């Protein structure tokens, strides 16, 4: 092989190495972003579950109060 071919191959390998480093950097940023997003979604999911649970208990309390008031009204009559 001539020195020109060796230099061309060396330049190609260096370019590929640079490209792989850039890809690894981009993939690492994506992974970090996905991890942060997953953590945020998990926290939001827990908050939503708690809110739904609180809402369920509020509905039960309201229906319980309505039934108690109706029962008391029928007793008074």
N, C-alpha and C. Protein backbone atom coordinates (compact mmCIF):
# COMPACT_ATOMS: atom_id res chain seq x y z
N UNK A 1 0.84 -1.18 0.00
CA UNK A 1 0.00 0.00 0.00
C UNK A 1 0.89 1.24 0.00
N UNK A 2 0.41 2.21 -0.69
CA UNK A 2 1.17 3.46 -0.73
C UNK A 2 0.85 4.30 0.50
N UNK A 3 1.68 5.28 0.73
CA UNK A 3 1.48 6.16 1.88
C UNK A 3 0.17 6.95 1.75
N UNK A 4 -0.22 7.25 0.52
CA UNK A 4 -1.48 7.97 0.29
C UNK A 4 -2.66 7.12 0.74
N UNK A 5 -2.65 5.85 0.39
CA UNK A 5 -3.75 4.95 0.78
C UNK A 5 -3.79 4.78 2.29
N UNK A 6 -2.62 4.63 2.89
CA UNK A 6 -2.56 4.49 4.35
C UNK A 6 -3.09 5.76 5.02
N UNK A 7 -2.72 6.91 4.51
CA UNK A 7 -3.19 8.18 5.07
C UNK A 7 -4.70 8.31 4.89
N UNK A 8 -5.22 7.89 3.75
CA UNK A 8 -6.67 7.94 3.50
C UNK A 8 -7.42 7.02 4.45
N UNK A 9 -6.88 5.80 4.64
CA UNK A 9 -7.51 4.85 5.56
C UNK A 9 -7.45 5.39 6.98
N UNK A 10 -6.32 5.95 7.36
CA UNK A 10 -6.16 6.51 8.70
C UNK A 10 -7.14 7.66 8.92
N UNK A 11 -7.31 8.51 7.92
CA UNK A 11 -8.26 9.62 8.03
C UNK A 11 -9.69 9.09 8.14
N UNK A 12 -10.00 8.05 7.39
CA UNK A 12 -11.35 7.45 7.46
C UNK A 12 -11.60 6.87 8.84
N UNK A 13 -10.62 6.17 9.38
CA UNK A 13 -10.77 5.59 10.72
C UNK A 13 -10.93 6.69 11.76
N UNK A 14 -10.15 7.76 11.64
CA UNK A 14 -10.28 8.88 12.58
C UNK A 14 -11.67 9.52 12.48
N UNK A 15 -12.17 9.68 11.26
CA UNK A 15 -13.52 10.23 11.07
C UNK A 15 -14.58 9.33 11.69
N UNK A 16 -14.44 8.02 11.49
CA UNK A 16 -15.39 7.07 12.07
C UNK A 16 -15.33 7.10 13.60
N UNK A 17 -14.13 7.21 14.13
CA UNK A 17 -13.97 7.28 15.58
C UNK A 17 -14.64 8.54 16.13
N UNK A 18 -14.45 9.66 15.44
CA UNK A 18 -15.08 10.92 15.86
C UNK A 18 -16.60 10.80 15.79
N UNK A 19 -17.10 10.20 14.71
CA UNK A 19 -18.54 10.01 14.56
C UNK A 19 -19.10 9.13 15.67
N UNK A 20 -18.39 8.06 16.01
CA UNK A 20 -18.86 7.16 17.08
C UNK A 20 -18.88 7.89 18.42
N UNK A 21 -17.89 8.74 18.67
CA UNK A 21 -17.88 9.51 19.92
C UNK A 21 -19.07 10.46 19.98
N UNK A 22 -19.36 11.11 18.86
CA UNK A 22 -20.51 12.02 18.80
C UNK A 22 -21.81 11.25 19.03
N UNK A 23 -21.92 10.07 18.42
CA UNK A 23 -23.12 9.25 18.60
C UNK A 23 -23.25 8.80 20.05
N UNK A 24 -22.14 8.39 20.66
CA UNK A 24 -22.18 7.98 22.06
C UNK A 24 -22.59 9.13 22.96
N UNK A 25 -22.08 10.31 22.66
CA UNK A 25 -22.45 11.49 23.44
C UNK A 25 -23.95 11.78 23.29
N UNK A 26 -24.45 11.72 22.06
CA UNK A 26 -25.88 11.96 21.82
C UNK A 26 -26.74 10.91 22.51
N UNK A 27 -26.32 9.65 22.41
CA UNK A 27 -27.09 8.58 23.06
C UNK A 27 -27.07 8.73 24.58
N UNK A 28 -25.95 9.17 25.12
CA UNK A 28 -25.88 9.39 26.56
C UNK A 28 -26.84 10.50 26.99
N UNK A 29 -26.89 11.59 26.21
CA UNK A 29 -27.82 12.68 26.52
C UNK A 29 -29.27 12.20 26.44
N UNK A 30 -29.57 11.38 25.45
CA UNK A 30 -30.92 10.84 25.30
C UNK A 30 -31.27 9.96 26.50
N UNK A 31 -30.32 9.13 26.92
CA UNK A 31 -30.55 8.26 28.06
C UNK A 31 -30.80 9.06 29.33
N UNK A 32 -30.01 10.11 29.54
CA UNK A 32 -30.21 10.96 30.71
C UNK A 32 -31.58 11.62 30.66
N UNK A 33 -31.96 12.12 29.49
CA UNK A 33 -33.27 12.76 29.33
C UNK A 33 -34.40 11.77 29.59
N UNK A 34 -34.28 10.57 29.05
CA UNK A 34 -35.32 9.56 29.27
C UNK A 34 -35.42 9.17 30.74
N UNK A 35 -34.28 9.08 31.41
CA UNK A 35 -34.29 8.75 32.83
C UNK A 35 -34.98 9.84 33.64
N UNK A 36 -34.66 11.10 33.33
CA UNK A 36 -35.32 12.22 34.02
C UNK A 36 -36.82 12.21 33.75
N UNK A 37 -37.19 11.98 32.50
CA UNK A 37 -38.60 11.95 32.12
C UNK A 37 -39.33 10.83 32.86
N UNK A 38 -38.70 9.67 32.93
CA UNK A 38 -39.32 8.53 33.61
C UNK A 38 -39.51 8.84 35.09
N UNK A 39 -38.51 9.47 35.71
CA UNK A 39 -38.61 9.83 37.12
C UNK A 39 -39.75 10.83 37.35
N UNK A 40 -39.84 11.82 36.47
CA UNK A 40 -40.91 12.82 36.59
C UNK A 40 -42.28 12.17 36.40
N UNK A 41 -42.39 11.28 35.40
CA UNK A 41 -43.66 10.61 35.15
C UNK A 41 -44.07 9.73 36.32
N UNK A 42 -43.10 9.07 36.95
CA UNK A 42 -43.41 8.23 38.10
C UNK A 42 -43.92 9.08 39.25
N UNK A 43 -43.27 10.21 39.50
CA UNK A 43 -43.72 11.10 40.57
C UNK A 43 -45.12 11.64 40.26
N UNK A 44 -45.35 12.04 39.01
CA UNK A 44 -46.67 12.53 38.62
C UNK A 44 -47.73 11.45 38.77
N UNK A 45 -47.38 10.23 38.40
CA UNK A 45 -48.32 9.11 38.51
C UNK A 45 -48.71 8.88 39.97
N UNK A 46 -47.73 8.96 40.86
CA UNK A 46 -48.04 8.78 42.29
C UNK A 46 -48.96 9.89 42.79
N UNK A 47 -48.69 11.13 42.32
CA UNK A 47 -49.55 12.25 42.73
C UNK A 47 -50.97 12.08 42.20
N UNK A 48 -51.09 11.64 40.96
CA UNK A 48 -52.41 11.43 40.36
C UNK A 48 -53.15 10.33 41.10
N UNK A 49 -52.45 9.24 41.43
CA UNK A 49 -53.08 8.16 42.19
C UNK A 49 -53.60 8.67 43.53
N UNK A 50 -52.80 9.51 44.21
CA UNK A 50 -53.23 10.04 45.49
C UNK A 50 -54.44 10.95 45.31
N UNK A 51 -54.41 11.79 44.28
CA UNK A 51 -55.55 12.68 44.03
C UNK A 51 -56.81 11.88 43.73
N UNK A 52 -56.67 10.81 42.93
CA UNK A 52 -57.83 9.98 42.62
C UNK A 52 -58.34 9.31 43.88
N UNK A 53 -57.44 8.88 44.74
CA UNK A 53 -57.85 8.26 45.99
C UNK A 53 -58.58 9.27 46.87
N UNK A 54 -58.04 10.49 46.95
CA UNK A 54 -58.70 11.54 47.73
C UNK A 54 -60.07 11.87 47.15
N UNK A 55 -60.17 11.90 45.83
CA UNK A 55 -61.44 12.19 45.17
C UNK A 55 -62.45 11.09 45.47
N UNK A 56 -62.01 9.85 45.44
CA UNK A 56 -62.89 8.72 45.74
C UNK A 56 -63.45 8.84 47.16
N UNK A 57 -62.57 9.16 48.10
CA UNK A 57 -63.04 9.30 49.48
C UNK A 57 -63.97 10.48 49.64
N UNK A 58 -63.73 11.56 48.89
CA UNK A 58 -64.62 12.71 48.95
C UNK A 58 -66.00 12.34 48.43
N UNK A 59 -66.07 11.61 47.33
CA UNK A 59 -67.35 11.16 46.78
C UNK A 59 -68.07 10.26 47.78
N UNK A 60 -67.34 9.35 48.40
CA UNK A 60 -67.95 8.47 49.41
C UNK A 60 -68.49 9.27 50.58
N UNK A 61 -67.73 10.27 51.01
CA UNK A 61 -68.17 11.11 52.13
C UNK A 61 -69.43 11.88 51.77
N UNK A 62 -69.48 12.42 50.55
CA UNK A 62 -70.67 13.16 50.11
C UNK A 62 -71.88 12.24 50.03
N UNK A 63 -71.72 11.08 49.40
CA UNK A 63 -72.84 10.14 49.32
C UNK A 63 -73.27 9.66 50.71
N UNK A 64 -72.30 9.43 51.58
CA UNK A 64 -72.63 9.03 52.95
C UNK A 64 -73.43 10.09 53.67
N UNK A 65 -73.03 11.34 53.47
CA UNK A 65 -73.75 12.46 54.10
C UNK A 65 -75.17 12.57 53.55
N UNK A 66 -75.31 12.43 52.24
CA UNK A 66 -76.65 12.50 51.63
C UNK A 66 -77.54 11.39 52.16
N UNK A 67 -77.00 10.18 52.25
CA UNK A 67 -77.79 9.05 52.77
C UNK A 67 -78.17 9.28 54.22
N UNK A 68 -77.22 9.80 55.03
CA UNK A 68 -77.51 10.06 56.44
C UNK A 68 -78.58 11.14 56.58
N UNK A 69 -78.49 12.18 55.76
CA UNK A 69 -79.51 13.25 55.81
C UNK A 69 -80.87 12.71 55.38
N UNK A 70 -80.90 11.91 54.33
CA UNK A 70 -82.16 11.33 53.86
C UNK A 70 -82.74 10.41 54.92
N UNK A 71 -81.92 9.60 55.54
CA UNK A 71 -82.38 8.68 56.58
C UNK A 71 -82.95 9.46 57.77
N UNK A 72 -82.26 10.53 58.16
CA UNK A 72 -82.73 11.37 59.26
C UNK A 72 -84.05 12.06 58.89
N UNK A 73 -84.16 12.51 57.66
CA UNK A 73 -85.39 13.18 57.22
C UNK A 73 -86.57 12.21 57.25
N UNK A 74 -86.35 10.97 56.84
CA UNK A 74 -87.44 9.98 56.87
C UNK A 74 -87.82 9.62 58.30
N UNK A 75 -86.83 9.61 59.20
CA UNK A 75 -87.11 9.30 60.60
C UNK A 75 -87.95 10.41 61.24
N UNK A 76 -87.66 11.65 60.88
CA UNK A 76 -88.36 12.79 61.47
C UNK A 76 -89.81 12.83 61.00
N UNK A 77 -90.06 12.41 59.78
CA UNK A 77 -91.42 12.47 59.24
C UNK A 77 -92.31 11.58 59.99
